[in-house]
Amino acid sequence: MPSLIVVSGLSEGDYYPLAQRTIVIGRQETCPIQVKDDRASRKHLQVRFDNGRHHAMDMKSANGVWINGRRIEGETELRDNDEIMVGDTRLVYLEREFPDRDSAFNHFKMVGQRSKPTIEQR
């Protein structure tokens, strides 16, 4: 089952396995995934499971939802390693579940290292 990890922001290190249900992400304490971020709306983002895939939808947040650097309009299908910005908090969508948050974070770090160039340019 896919999962989300918080890779930057005050909630950095949080890990959430996603089930086949709808989850709301936001600043409000009653959200299943609470993001401690002043730029996040109380109910900022909805992640919904449909036809075997998770989809993200902005819940009319003040600062919008950004996936891989682009502001989303309407519902957007999530793909492995998508970076989701909610306020100043960055989450990463992973298409698999991990036994714990440390395993998820180590996986994220390894994938991030693969994208870095081997020769630094000056």
PDB file of N, CA and C in Angstrom:
ATOM      1  N   MET A   1       0.852  -1.178   0.000  1.00  0.00           N
ATOM      2  CA  MET A   1       0.000   0.000   0.000  1.00  0.00           C
ATOM      3  C   MET A   1       0.895   1.237   0.000  1.00  0.00           C
ATOM      4  N   PRO A   2       0.578   2.240  -0.792  1.00  0.00           N
ATOM      5  CA  PRO A   2       1.369   3.476  -0.833  1.00  0.00           C
ATOM      6  C   PRO A   2       1.438   4.196   0.515  1.00  0.00           C
ATOM      7  N   SER A   3       2.364   5.140   0.599  1.00  0.00           N
ATOM      8  CA  SER A   3       2.569   5.877   1.838  1.00  0.00           C
ATOM      9  C   SER A   3       3.041   7.298   1.555  1.00  0.00           C
ATOM     10  N   LEU A   4       2.972   8.134   2.584  1.00  0.00           N
ATOM     11  CA  LEU A   4       3.477   9.501   2.530  1.00  0.00           C
ATOM     12  C   LEU A   4       4.497   9.679   3.633  1.00  0.00           C
ATOM     13  N   ILE A   5       5.590  10.398   3.329  1.00  0.00           N
ATOM     14  CA  ILE A   5       6.539  10.787   4.368  1.00  0.00           C
ATOM     15  C   ILE A   5       6.727  12.293   4.294  1.00  0.00           C
ATOM     16  N   VAL A   6       6.887  12.906   5.447  1.00  0.00           N
ATOM     17  CA  VAL A   6       7.158  14.343   5.515  1.00  0.00           C
ATOM     18  C   VAL A   6       8.670  14.506   5.520  1.00  0.00           C
ATOM     19  N   VAL A   7       9.202  15.162   4.483  1.00  0.00           N
ATOM     20  CA  VAL A   7      10.659  15.256   4.348  1.00  0.00           C
ATOM     21  C   VAL A   7      11.212  16.630   4.697  1.00  0.00           C
ATOM     22  N   SER A   8      10.336  17.632   4.890  1.00  0.00           N
ATOM     23  CA  SER A   8      10.801  18.923   5.389  1.00  0.00           C
ATOM     24  C   SER A   8       9.637  19.657   6.039  1.00  0.00           C
ATOM     25  N   GLY A   9       9.979  20.512   6.994  1.00  0.00           N
ATOM     26  CA  GLY A   9       8.967  21.244   7.744  1.00  0.00           C
ATOM     27  C   GLY A   9       8.970  20.799   9.195  1.00  0.00           C
ATOM     28  N   LEU A  10       8.099  21.383   9.999  1.00  0.00           N
ATOM     29  CA  LEU A  10       8.057  21.065  11.427  1.00  0.00           C
ATOM     30  C   LEU A  10       7.655  19.622  11.706  1.00  0.00           C
ATOM     31  N   SER A  11       6.963  18.985  10.778  1.00  0.00           N
ATOM     32  CA  SER A  11       6.541  17.590  10.957  1.00  0.00           C
ATOM     33  C   SER A  11       7.503  16.608  10.298  1.00  0.00           C
ATOM     34  N   GLU A  12       8.715  17.069   9.948  1.00  0.00           N
ATOM     35  CA  GLU A  12       9.691  16.225   9.258  1.00  0.00           C
ATOM     36  C   GLU A  12       9.876  14.900   9.999  1.00  0.00           C
ATOM     37  N   GLY A  13       9.895  13.822   9.219  1.00  0.00           N
ATOM     38  CA  GLY A  13      10.082  12.494   9.782  1.00  0.00           C
ATOM     39  C   GLY A  13       8.793  11.733   9.988  1.00  0.00           C
ATOM     40  N   ASP A  14       7.639  12.412   9.898  1.00  0.00           N
ATOM     41  CA  ASP A  14       6.366  11.704  10.051  1.00  0.00           C
ATOM     42  C   ASP A  14       6.141  10.785   8.850  1.00  0.00           C
ATOM     43  N   TYR A  15       5.553   9.628   9.105  1.00  0.00           N
ATOM     44  CA  TYR A  15       5.330   8.610   8.080  1.00  0.00           C
ATOM     45  C   TYR A  15       3.889   8.122   8.176  1.00  0.00           C
ATOM     46  N   TYR A  16       3.212   8.044   7.026  1.00  0.00           N
ATOM     47  CA  TYR A  16       1.801   7.662   7.001  1.00  0.00           C
ATOM     48  C   TYR A  16       1.528   6.626   5.911  1.00  0.00           C
ATOM     49  N   PRO A  17       1.297   5.368   6.285  1.00  0.00           N
ATOM     50  CA  PRO A  17       0.820   4.406   5.285  1.00  0.00           C
ATOM     51  C   PRO A  17      -0.585   4.828   4.842  1.00  0.00           C
ATOM     52  N   LEU A  18      -0.850   4.771   3.563  1.00  0.00           N
ATOM     53  CA  LEU A  18      -2.159   5.166   3.042  1.00  0.00           C
ATOM     54  C   LEU A  18      -3.005   3.925   2.801  1.00  0.00           C
ATOM     55  N   ALA A  19      -4.228   3.988   3.161  1.00  0.00           N
ATOM     56  CA  ALA A  19      -5.153   2.884   2.910  1.00  0.00           C
ATOM     57  C   ALA A  19      -6.001   3.233   1.692  1.00  0.00           C
ATOM     58  N   GLN A  20      -6.967   2.403   1.410  1.00  0.00           N
ATOM     59  CA  GLN A  20      -7.858   2.642   0.283  1.00  0.00           C
ATOM     60  C   GLN A  20      -9.040   3.469   0.759  1.00  0.00           C
ATOM     61  N   ARG A  21      -8.739   4.682   1.210  1.00  0.00           N
ATOM     62  CA  ARG A  21      -9.772   5.591   1.703  1.00  0.00           C
ATOM     63  C   ARG A  21      -9.347   7.027   1.418  1.00  0.00           C
ATOM     64  N   THR A  22     -10.217   7.964   1.747  1.00  0.00           N
ATOM     65  CA  THR A  22      -9.921   9.380   1.570  1.00  0.00           C
ATOM     66  C   THR A  22      -9.294   9.916   2.852  1.00  0.00           C
ATOM     67  N   ILE A  23      -8.224  10.690   2.694  1.00  0.00           N
ATOM     68  CA  ILE A  23      -7.506  11.272   3.834  1.00  0.00           C
ATOM     69  C   ILE A  23      -7.383  12.773   3.597  1.00  0.00           C
ATOM     70  N   VAL A  24      -7.610  13.551   4.640  1.00  0.00           N
ATOM     71  CA  VAL A  24      -7.456  15.002   4.573  1.00  0.00           C
ATOM     72  C   VAL A  24      -6.156  15.386   5.283  1.00  0.00           C
ATOM     73  N   ILE A  25      -5.411  16.267   4.635  1.00  0.00           N
ATOM     74  CA  ILE A  25      -4.146  16.770   5.178  1.00  0.00           C
ATOM     75  C   ILE A  25      -4.312  18.261   5.411  1.00  0.00           C
ATOM     76  N   GLY A  26      -3.924  18.727   6.592  1.00  0.00           N
ATOM     77  CA  GLY A  26      -4.025  20.150   6.889  1.00  0.00           C
ATOM     78  C   GLY A  26      -3.519  20.479   8.278  1.00  0.00           C
ATOM     79  N   ARG A  27      -3.669  21.723   8.641  1.00  0.00           N
ATOM     80  CA  ARG A  27      -3.177  22.242   9.921  1.00  0.00           C
ATOM     81  C   ARG A  27      -4.092  21.868  11.093  1.00  0.00           C
ATOM     82  N   GLN A  28      -5.354  21.624  10.817  1.00  0.00           N
ATOM     83  CA  GLN A  28      -6.336  21.333  11.859  1.00  0.00           C
ATOM     84  C   GLN A  28      -5.984  20.041  12.604  1.00  0.00           C
ATOM     85  N   GLU A  29      -6.132  20.062  13.913  1.00  0.00           N
ATOM     86  CA  GLU A  29      -5.770  18.908  14.752  1.00  0.00           C
ATOM     87  C   GLU A  29      -6.584  17.662  14.438  1.00  0.00           C
ATOM     88  N   THR A  30      -7.792  17.813  13.919  1.00  0.00           N
ATOM     89  CA  THR A  30      -8.638  16.654  13.631  1.00  0.00           C
ATOM     90  C   THR A  30      -8.337  16.003  12.279  1.00  0.00           C
ATOM     91  N   CYS A  31      -7.426  16.574  11.493  1.00  0.00           N
ATOM     92  CA  CYS A  31      -7.062  15.966  10.206  1.00  0.00           C
ATOM     93  C   CYS A  31      -6.295  14.667  10.464  1.00  0.00           C
ATOM     94  N   PRO A  32      -6.579  13.619   9.692  1.00  0.00           N
ATOM     95  CA  PRO A  32      -5.825  12.377   9.852  1.00  0.00           C
ATOM     96  C   PRO A  32      -4.309  12.576   9.688  1.00  0.00           C
ATOM     97  N   ILE A  33      -3.927  13.510   8.815  1.00  0.00           N
ATOM     98  CA  ILE A  33      -2.518  13.890   8.685  1.00  0.00           C
ATOM     99  C   ILE A  33      -2.433  15.376   8.984  1.00  0.00           C
ATOM    100  N   GLN A  34      -1.920  15.693  10.173  1.00  0.00           N
ATOM    101  CA  GLN A  34      -1.790  17.094  10.573  1.00  0.00           C
ATOM    102  C   GLN A  34      -0.405  17.607  10.186  1.00  0.00           C
ATOM    103  N   VAL A  35      -0.405  18.760   9.511  1.00  0.00           N
ATOM    104  CA  VAL A  35       0.828  19.433   9.116  1.00  0.00           C
ATOM    105  C   VAL A  35       0.952  20.685   9.980  1.00  0.00           C
ATOM    106  N   LYS A  36       2.010  20.752  10.760  1.00  0.00           N
ATOM    107  CA  LYS A  36       2.237  21.908  11.634  1.00  0.00           C
ATOM    108  C   LYS A  36       2.966  22.977  10.829  1.00  0.00           C
ATOM    109  N   ASP A  37       2.165  23.799  10.147  1.00  0.00           N
ATOM    110  CA  ASP A  37       2.706  24.771   9.207  1.00  0.00           C
ATOM    111  C   ASP A  37       1.727  25.946   9.127  1.00  0.00           C
ATOM    112  N   ASP A  38       2.187  27.145   9.456  1.00  0.00           N
ATOM    113  CA  ASP A  38       1.326  28.328   9.429  1.00  0.00           C
ATOM    114  C   ASP A  38       0.802  28.657   8.034  1.00  0.00           C
ATOM    115  N   ARG A  39       1.493  28.211   6.987  1.00  0.00           N
ATOM    116  CA  ARG A  39       1.043  28.482   5.621  1.00  0.00           C
ATOM    117  C   ARG A  39       0.084  27.425   5.093  1.00  0.00           C
ATOM    118  N   ALA A  40      -0.161  26.391   5.890  1.00  0.00           N
ATOM    119  CA  ALA A  40      -1.120  25.356   5.499  1.00  0.00           C
ATOM    120  C   ALA A  40      -2.505  25.770   5.976  1.00  0.00           C
ATOM    121  N   SER A  41      -3.502  25.480   5.164  1.00  0.00           N
ATOM    122  CA  SER A  41      -4.882  25.730   5.564  1.00  0.00           C
ATOM    123  C   SER A  41      -5.319  24.649   6.544  1.00  0.00           C
ATOM    124  N   ARG A  42      -6.419  24.922   7.265  1.00  0.00           N
ATOM    125  CA  ARG A  42      -6.904  23.927   8.224  1.00  0.00           C
ATOM    126  C   ARG A  42      -7.181  22.597   7.534  1.00  0.00           C
ATOM    127  N   LYS A  43      -7.847  22.644   6.391  1.00  0.00           N
ATOM    128  CA  LYS A  43      -8.052  21.467   5.538  1.00  0.00           C
ATOM    129  C   LYS A  43      -7.487  21.846   4.182  1.00  0.00           C
ATOM    130  N   HIS A  44      -6.295  21.408   3.909  1.00  0.00           N
ATOM    131  CA  HIS A  44      -5.523  21.895   2.774  1.00  0.00           C
ATOM    132  C   HIS A  44      -5.624  20.988   1.539  1.00  0.00           C
ATOM    133  N   LEU A  45      -5.471  19.691   1.773  1.00  0.00           N
ATOM    134  CA  LEU A  45      -5.337  18.740   0.667  1.00  0.00           C
ATOM    135  C   LEU A  45      -6.115  17.472   0.980  1.00  0.00           C
ATOM    136  N   GLN A  46      -6.734  16.917  -0.042  1.00  0.00           N
ATOM    137  CA  GLN A  46      -7.413  15.640   0.095  1.00  0.00           C
ATOM    138  C   GLN A  46      -6.688  14.621  -0.785  1.00  0.00           C
ATOM    139  N   VAL A  47      -6.410  13.453  -0.218  1.00  0.00           N
ATOM    140  CA  VAL A  47      -5.844  12.344  -0.990  1.00  0.00           C
ATOM    141  C   VAL A  47      -6.910  11.259  -1.007  1.00  0.00           C
ATOM    142  N   ARG A  48      -7.328  10.909  -2.208  1.00  0.00           N
ATOM    143  CA  ARG A  48      -8.448   9.983  -2.396  1.00  0.00           C
ATOM    144  C   ARG A  48      -8.007   8.769  -3.197  1.00  0.00           C
ATOM    145  N   PHE A  49      -8.498   7.598  -2.829  1.00  0.00           N
ATOM    146  CA  PHE A  49      -8.193   6.356  -3.543  1.00  0.00           C
ATOM    147  C   PHE A  49      -9.333   6.044  -4.500  1.00  0.00           C
ATOM    148  N   ASP A  50      -9.004   5.844  -5.785  1.00  0.00           N
ATOM    149  CA  ASP A  50     -10.025   5.557  -6.785  1.00  0.00           C
ATOM    150  C   ASP A  50      -9.393   4.754  -7.920  1.00  0.00           C
ATOM    151  N   ASN A  51     -10.041   3.687  -8.333  1.00  0.00           N
ATOM    152  CA  ASN A  51      -9.567   2.841  -9.437  1.00  0.00           C
ATOM    153  C   ASN A  51      -8.122   2.387  -9.264  1.00  0.00           C
ATOM    154  N   GLY A  52      -7.768   2.025  -8.042  1.00  0.00           N
ATOM    155  CA  GLY A  52      -6.437   1.478  -7.793  1.00  0.00           C
ATOM    156  C   GLY A  52      -5.324   2.503  -7.670  1.00  0.00           C
ATOM    157  N   ARG A  53      -5.651   3.796  -7.664  1.00  0.00           N
ATOM    158  CA  ARG A  53      -4.637   4.854  -7.597  1.00  0.00           C
ATOM    159  C   ARG A  53      -5.058   5.904  -6.576  1.00  0.00           C
ATOM    160  N   HIS A  54      -4.059   6.622  -6.033  1.00  0.00           N
ATOM    161  CA  HIS A  54      -4.339   7.757  -5.149  1.00  0.00           C
ATOM    162  C   HIS A  54      -4.314   9.041  -5.983  1.00  0.00           C
ATOM    163  N   HIS A  55      -5.216   9.953  -5.643  1.00  0.00           N
ATOM    164  CA  HIS A  55      -5.338  11.232  -6.332  1.00  0.00           C
ATOM    165  C   HIS A  55      -5.306  12.353  -5.294  1.00  0.00           C
ATOM    166  N   ALA A  56      -4.665  13.463  -5.648  1.00  0.00           N
ATOM    167  CA  ALA A  56      -4.589  14.633  -4.771  1.00  0.00           C
ATOM    168  C   ALA A  56      -5.523  15.712  -5.296  1.00  0.00           C
ATOM    169  N   MET A  57      -6.151  16.423  -4.354  1.00  0.00           N
ATOM    170  CA  MET A  57      -7.039  17.517  -4.734  1.00  0.00           C
ATOM    171  C   MET A  57      -6.928  18.637  -3.698  1.00  0.00           C
ATOM    172  N   ASP A  58      -6.660  19.844  -4.182  1.00  0.00           N
ATOM    173  CA  ASP A  58      -6.595  21.025  -3.323  1.00  0.00           C
ATOM    174  C   ASP A  58      -7.995  21.298  -2.771  1.00  0.00           C
ATOM    175  N   MET A  59      -8.071  21.545  -1.466  1.00  0.00           N
ATOM    176  CA  MET A  59      -9.362  21.812  -0.835  1.00  0.00           C
ATOM    177  C   MET A  59      -9.588  23.321  -0.690  1.00  0.00           C
ATOM    178  N   LYS A  60      -9.339  24.059  -1.772  1.00  0.00           N
ATOM    179  CA  LYS A  60      -9.502  25.520  -1.795  1.00  0.00           C
ATOM    180  C   LYS A  60      -8.625  26.189  -0.739  1.00  0.00           C
ATOM    181  N   SER A  61      -7.385  25.698  -0.638  1.00  0.00           N
ATOM    182  CA  SER A  61      -6.439  26.244   0.340  1.00  0.00           C
ATOM    183  C   SER A  61      -5.986  27.636  -0.080  1.00  0.00           C
ATOM    184  N   ALA A  62      -5.537  28.412   0.879  1.00  0.00           N
ATOM    185  CA  ALA A  62      -5.090  29.784   0.612  1.00  0.00           C
ATOM    186  C   ALA A  62      -3.824  29.818  -0.243  1.00  0.00           C
ATOM    187  N   ASN A  63      -2.898  28.871  -0.019  1.00  0.00           N
ATOM    188  CA  ASN A  63      -1.612  28.898  -0.724  1.00  0.00           C
ATOM    189  C   ASN A  63      -1.458  27.830  -1.790  1.00  0.00           C
ATOM    190  N   GLY A  64      -2.489  27.051  -2.036  1.00  0.00           N
ATOM    191  CA  GLY A  64      -2.450  26.052  -3.096  1.00  0.00           C
ATOM    192  C   GLY A  64      -1.653  24.817  -2.729  1.00  0.00           C
ATOM    193  N   VAL A  65      -1.757  23.821  -3.599  1.00  0.00           N
ATOM    194  CA  VAL A  65      -1.011  22.571  -3.475  1.00  0.00           C
ATOM    195  C   VAL A  65      -0.102  22.481  -4.685  1.00  0.00           C
ATOM    196  N   TRP A  66       1.143  22.156  -4.445  1.00  0.00           N
ATOM    197  CA  TRP A  66       2.141  22.060  -5.503  1.00  0.00           C
ATOM    198  C   TRP A  66       2.657  20.631  -5.560  1.00  0.00           C
ATOM    199  N   ILE A  67       2.647  20.040  -6.739  1.00  0.00           N
ATOM    200  CA  ILE A  67       3.205  18.700  -6.933  1.00  0.00           C
ATOM    201  C   ILE A  67       4.323  18.817  -7.951  1.00  0.00           C
ATOM    202  N   ASN A  68       5.511  18.425  -7.528  1.00  0.00           N
ATOM    203  CA  ASN A  68       6.716  18.497  -8.367  1.00  0.00           C
ATOM    204  C   ASN A  68       6.917  19.899  -8.949  1.00  0.00           C
ATOM    205  N   GLY A  69       6.665  20.908  -8.123  1.00  0.00           N
ATOM    206  CA  GLY A  69       6.920  22.288  -8.526  1.00  0.00           C
ATOM    207  C   GLY A  69       5.807  22.965  -9.306  1.00  0.00           C
ATOM    208  N   ARG A  70       4.714  22.275  -9.544  1.00  0.00           N
ATOM    209  CA  ARG A  70       3.602  22.864 -10.304  1.00  0.00           C
ATOM    210  C   ARG A  70       2.340  22.891  -9.455  1.00  0.00           C
ATOM    211  N   ARG A  71       1.677  24.025  -9.481  1.00  0.00           N
ATOM    212  CA  ARG A  71       0.418  24.147  -8.736  1.00  0.00           C
ATOM    213  C   ARG A  71      -0.645  23.295  -9.424  1.00  0.00           C
ATOM    214  N   ILE A  72      -1.366  22.514  -8.628  1.00  0.00           N
ATOM    215  CA  ILE A  72      -2.378  21.651  -9.228  1.00  0.00           C
ATOM    216  C   ILE A  72      -3.718  22.361  -9.283  1.00  0.00           C
ATOM    217  N   GLU A  73      -4.451  22.053 -10.309  1.00  0.00           N
ATOM    218  CA  GLU A  73      -5.821  22.522 -10.495  1.00  0.00           C
ATOM    219  C   GLU A  73      -6.664  21.267 -10.630  1.00  0.00           C
ATOM    220  N   GLY A  74      -7.636  21.104  -9.785  1.00  0.00           N
ATOM    221  CA  GLY A  74      -8.471  19.908  -9.854  1.00  0.00           C
ATOM    222  C   GLY A  74      -7.751  18.698  -9.274  1.00  0.00           C
ATOM    223  N   GLU A  75      -8.216  17.520  -9.654  1.00  0.00           N
ATOM    224  CA  GLU A  75      -7.686  16.269  -9.124  1.00  0.00           C
ATOM    225  C   GLU A  75      -6.476  15.815  -9.941  1.00  0.00           C
ATOM    226  N   THR A  76      -5.419  15.384  -9.250  1.00  0.00           N
ATOM    227  CA  THR A  76      -4.181  14.971  -9.901  1.00  0.00           C
ATOM    228  C   THR A  76      -3.768  13.597  -9.402  1.00  0.00           C
ATOM    229  N   GLU A  77      -3.513  12.673 -10.314  1.00  0.00           N
ATOM    230  CA  GLU A  77      -3.072  11.327  -9.939  1.00  0.00           C
ATOM    231  C   GLU A  77      -1.652  11.390  -9.383  1.00  0.00           C
ATOM    232  N   LEU A  78      -1.436  10.702  -8.273  1.00  0.00           N
ATOM    233  CA  LEU A  78      -0.108  10.682  -7.663  1.00  0.00           C
ATOM    234  C   LEU A  78       0.707   9.523  -8.215  1.00  0.00           C
ATOM    235  N   ARG A  79       2.007   9.776  -8.371  1.00  0.00           N
ATOM    236  CA  ARG A  79       2.943   8.765  -8.874  1.00  0.00           C
ATOM    237  C   ARG A  79       4.108   8.640  -7.897  1.00  0.00           C
ATOM    238  N   ASP A  80       4.811   7.536  -7.986  1.00  0.00           N
ATOM    239  CA  ASP A  80       5.920   7.259  -7.088  1.00  0.00           C
ATOM    240  C   ASP A  80       6.920   8.415  -7.054  1.00  0.00           C
ATOM    241  N   ASN A  81       7.306   8.820  -5.857  1.00  0.00           N
ATOM    242  CA  ASN A  81       8.280   9.887  -5.590  1.00  0.00           C
ATOM    243  C   ASN A  81       7.778  11.287  -5.905  1.00  0.00           C
ATOM    244  N   ASP A  82       6.479  11.484  -6.097  1.00  0.00           N
ATOM    245  CA  ASP A  82       5.944  12.835  -6.275  1.00  0.00           C
ATOM    246  C   ASP A  82       6.194  13.638  -4.999  1.00  0.00           C
ATOM    247  N   GLU A  83       6.665  14.879  -5.171  1.00  0.00           N
ATOM    248  CA  GLU A  83       6.874  15.789  -4.047  1.00  0.00           C
ATOM    249  C   GLU A  83       5.680  16.725  -3.961  1.00  0.00           C
ATOM    250  N   ILE A  84       5.055  16.756  -2.799  1.00  0.00           N
ATOM    251  CA  ILE A  84       3.841  17.534  -2.581  1.00  0.00           C
ATOM    252  C   ILE A  84       4.152  18.635  -1.581  1.00  0.00           C
ATOM    253  N   MET A  85       3.895  19.888  -1.962  1.00  0.00           N
ATOM    254  CA  MET A  85       4.100  21.017  -1.065  1.00  0.00           C
ATOM    255  C   MET A  85       2.760  21.469  -0.503  1.00  0.00           C
ATOM    256  N   VAL A  86       2.691  21.491   0.826  1.00  0.00           N
ATOM    257  CA  VAL A  86       1.533  21.983   1.564  1.00  0.00           C
ATOM    258  C   VAL A  86       2.072  23.100   2.443  1.00  0.00           C
ATOM    259  N   GLY A  87       1.850  24.356   2.043  1.00  0.00           N
ATOM    260  CA  GLY A  87       2.497  25.476   2.728  1.00  0.00           C
ATOM    261  C   GLY A  87       3.994  25.371   2.510  1.00  0.00           C
ATOM    262  N   ASP A  88       4.764  25.351   3.601  1.00  0.00           N
ATOM    263  CA  ASP A  88       6.220  25.188   3.507  1.00  0.00           C
ATOM    264  C   ASP A  88       6.655  23.766   3.844  1.00  0.00           C
ATOM    265  N   THR A  89       5.707  22.851   3.904  1.00  0.00           N
ATOM    266  CA  THR A  89       5.988  21.466   4.254  1.00  0.00           C
ATOM    267  C   THR A  89       6.018  20.617   2.989  1.00  0.00           C
ATOM    268  N   ARG A  90       7.061  19.791   2.876  1.00  0.00           N
ATOM    269  CA  ARG A  90       7.209  18.926   1.703  1.00  0.00           C
ATOM    270  C   ARG A  90       6.970  17.474   2.102  1.00  0.00           C
ATOM    271  N   LEU A  91       6.045  16.835   1.392  1.00  0.00           N
ATOM    272  CA  LEU A  91       5.751  15.418   1.581  1.00  0.00           C
ATOM    273  C   LEU A  91       6.130  14.672   0.312  1.00  0.00           C
ATOM    274  N   VAL A  92       6.451  13.411   0.444  1.00  0.00           N
ATOM    275  CA  VAL A  92       6.755  12.585  -0.722  1.00  0.00           C
ATOM    276  C   VAL A  92       5.811  11.384  -0.717  1.00  0.00           C
ATOM    277  N   TYR A  93       5.203  11.150  -1.873  1.00  0.00           N
ATOM    278  CA  TYR A  93       4.309  10.018  -2.073  1.00  0.00           C
ATOM    279  C   TYR A  93       5.141   8.843  -2.572  1.00  0.00           C
ATOM    280  N   LEU A  94       5.039   7.719  -1.891  1.00  0.00           N
ATOM    281  CA  LEU A  94       5.752   6.507  -2.290  1.00  0.00           C
ATOM    282  C   LEU A  94       4.740   5.419  -2.589  1.00  0.00           C
ATOM    283  N   GLU A  95       4.944   4.686  -3.657  1.00  0.00           N
ATOM    284  CA  GLU A  95       3.967   3.689  -4.079  1.00  0.00           C
ATOM    285  C   GLU A  95       4.078   2.386  -3.308  1.00  0.00           C
ATOM    286  N   ARG A  96       4.799   2.402  -2.199  1.00  0.00           N
ATOM    287  CA  ARG A  96       4.868   1.199  -1.379  1.00  0.00           C
ATOM    288  C   ARG A  96       4.823   1.566   0.091  1.00  0.00           C
ATOM    289  N   GLU A  97       4.510   0.590   0.889  1.00  0.00           N
ATOM    290  CA  GLU A  97       4.474   0.768   2.332  1.00  0.00           C
ATOM    291  C   GLU A  97       5.768   0.216   2.914  1.00  0.00           C
ATOM    292  N   PHE A  98       6.211   0.790   3.996  1.00  0.00           N
ATOM    293  CA  PHE A  98       7.442   0.365   4.660  1.00  0.00           C
ATOM    294  C   PHE A  98       7.104  -0.115   6.065  1.00  0.00           C
ATOM    295  N   PRO A  99       7.960  -0.947   6.658  1.00  0.00           N
ATOM    296  CA  PRO A  99       7.661  -1.444   7.995  1.00  0.00           C
ATOM    297  C   PRO A  99       7.657  -0.356   9.065  1.00  0.00           C
ATOM    298  N   ASP A 100       8.400   0.734   8.817  1.00  0.00           N
ATOM    299  CA  ASP A 100       8.457   1.827   9.796  1.00  0.00           C
ATOM    300  C   ASP A 100       8.961   3.093   9.114  1.00  0.00           C
ATOM    301  N   ARG A 101       8.939   4.201   9.857  1.00  0.00           N
ATOM    302  CA  ARG A 101       9.321   5.491   9.277  1.00  0.00           C
ATOM    303  C   ARG A 101      10.797   5.552   8.907  1.00  0.00           C
ATOM    304  N   ASP A 102      11.670   4.881   9.671  1.00  0.00           N
ATOM    305  CA  ASP A 102      13.100   4.890   9.345  1.00  0.00           C
ATOM    306  C   ASP A 102      13.361   4.221   7.996  1.00  0.00           C
ATOM    307  N   SER A 103      12.690   3.112   7.736  1.00  0.00           N
ATOM    308  CA  SER A 103      12.834   2.433   6.440  1.00  0.00           C
ATOM    309  C   SER A 103      12.364   3.328   5.301  1.00  0.00           C
ATOM    310  N   ALA A 104      11.254   4.026   5.505  1.00  0.00           N
ATOM    311  CA  ALA A 104      10.728   4.929   4.485  1.00  0.00           C
ATOM    312  C   ALA A 104      11.705   6.069   4.225  1.00  0.00           C
ATOM    313  N   PHE A 105      12.246   6.657   5.287  1.00  0.00           N
ATOM    314  CA  PHE A 105      13.177   7.769   5.131  1.00  0.00           C
ATOM    315  C   PHE A 105      14.469   7.321   4.452  1.00  0.00           C
ATOM    316  N   ASN A 106      14.978   6.147   4.810  1.00  0.00           N
ATOM    317  CA  ASN A 106      16.196   5.633   4.168  1.00  0.00           C
ATOM    318  C   ASN A 106      15.966   5.394   2.686  1.00  0.00           C
ATOM    319  N   HIS A 107      14.788   4.878   2.327  1.00  0.00           N
ATOM    320  CA  HIS A 107      14.451   4.692   0.921  1.00  0.00           C
ATOM    321  C   HIS A 107      14.430   6.034   0.198  1.00  0.00           C
ATOM    322  N   PHE A 108      13.784   7.035   0.806  1.00  0.00           N
ATOM    323  CA  PHE A 108      13.719   8.361   0.205  1.00  0.00           C
ATOM    324  C   PHE A 108      15.122   8.924  -0.011  1.00  0.00           C
ATOM    325  N   LYS A 109      16.004   8.792   0.976  1.00  0.00           N
ATOM    326  CA  LYS A 109      17.363   9.319   0.862  1.00  0.00           C
ATOM    327  C   LYS A 109      18.140   8.618  -0.246  1.00  0.00           C
ATOM    328  N   MET A 110      17.976   7.300  -0.388  1.00  0.00           N
ATOM    329  CA  MET A 110      18.677   6.577  -1.454  1.00  0.00           C
ATOM    330  C   MET A 110      18.199   7.025  -2.820  1.00  0.00           C
ATOM    331  N   VAL A 111      16.890   7.182  -2.986  1.00  0.00           N
ATOM    332  CA  VAL A 111      16.341   7.644  -4.275  1.00  0.00           C
ATOM    333  C   VAL A 111      16.844   9.051  -4.563  1.00  0.00           C
ATOM    334  N   GLY A 112      16.898   9.918  -3.554  1.00  0.00           N
ATOM    335  CA  GLY A 112      17.399  11.283  -3.722  1.00  0.00           C
ATOM    336  C   GLY A 112      18.853  11.321  -4.138  1.00  0.00           C
ATOM    337  N   GLN A 113      19.660  10.402  -3.625  1.00  0.00           N
ATOM    338  CA  GLN A 113      21.073  10.344  -3.997  1.00  0.00           C
ATOM    339  C   GLN A 113      21.252   9.955  -5.453  1.00  0.00           C
ATOM    340  N   ARG A 114      20.355   9.091  -5.973  1.00  0.00           N
ATOM    341  CA  ARG A 114      20.463   8.678  -7.372  1.00  0.00           C
ATOM    342  C   ARG A 114      20.252   9.834  -8.334  1.00  0.00           C
ATOM    343  N   SER A 115      19.487  10.841  -7.921  1.00  0.00           N
ATOM    344  CA  SER A 115      19.193  11.947  -8.821  1.00  0.00           C
ATOM    345  C   SER A 115      20.278  13.015  -8.818  1.00  0.00           C
ATOM    346  N   LYS A 116      21.220  12.935  -7.876  1.00  0.00           N
ATOM    347  CA  LYS A 116      22.295  13.923  -7.821  1.00  0.00           C
ATOM    348  C   LYS A 116      23.371  13.594  -8.846  1.00  0.00           C
ATOM    349  N   PRO A 117      23.969  14.614  -9.473  1.00  0.00           N
ATOM    350  CA  PRO A 117      25.030  14.351 -10.426  1.00  0.00           C
ATOM    351  C   PRO A 117      26.265  13.798  -9.713  1.00  0.00           C
ATOM    352  N   THR A 118      27.021  12.960 -10.426  1.00  0.00           N
ATOM    353  CA  THR A 118      28.226  12.383  -9.822  1.00  0.00           C
ATOM    354  C   THR A 118      29.389  13.365  -9.879  1.00  0.00           C
ATOM    355  N   ILE A 119      29.349  14.309 -10.806  1.00  0.00           N
ATOM    356  CA  ILE A 119      30.389  15.328 -10.930  1.00  0.00           C
ATOM    357  C   ILE A 119      29.759  16.677 -10.653  1.00  0.00           C
ATOM    358  N   GLU A 120      30.287  17.372  -9.678  1.00  0.00           N
ATOM    359  CA  GLU A 120      29.755  18.689  -9.377  1.00  0.00           C
ATOM    360  C   GLU A 120      30.277  19.701 -10.372  1.00  0.00           C
ATOM    361  N   GLN A 121      29.374  20.572 -10.824  1.00  0.00           N
ATOM    362  CA  GLN A 121      29.771  21.642 -11.745  1.00  0.00           C
ATOM    363  C   GLN A 121      29.991  22.916 -10.956  1.00  0.00           C
ATOM    364  N   ARG A 122      30.955  23.680 -11.369  1.00  0.00           N
ATOM    365  CA  ARG A 122      31.254  24.941 -10.690  1.00  0.00           C
ATOM    366  C   ARG A 122      30.938  26.100 -11.565  1.00  0.00           C
TER     367      ARG A 122
END
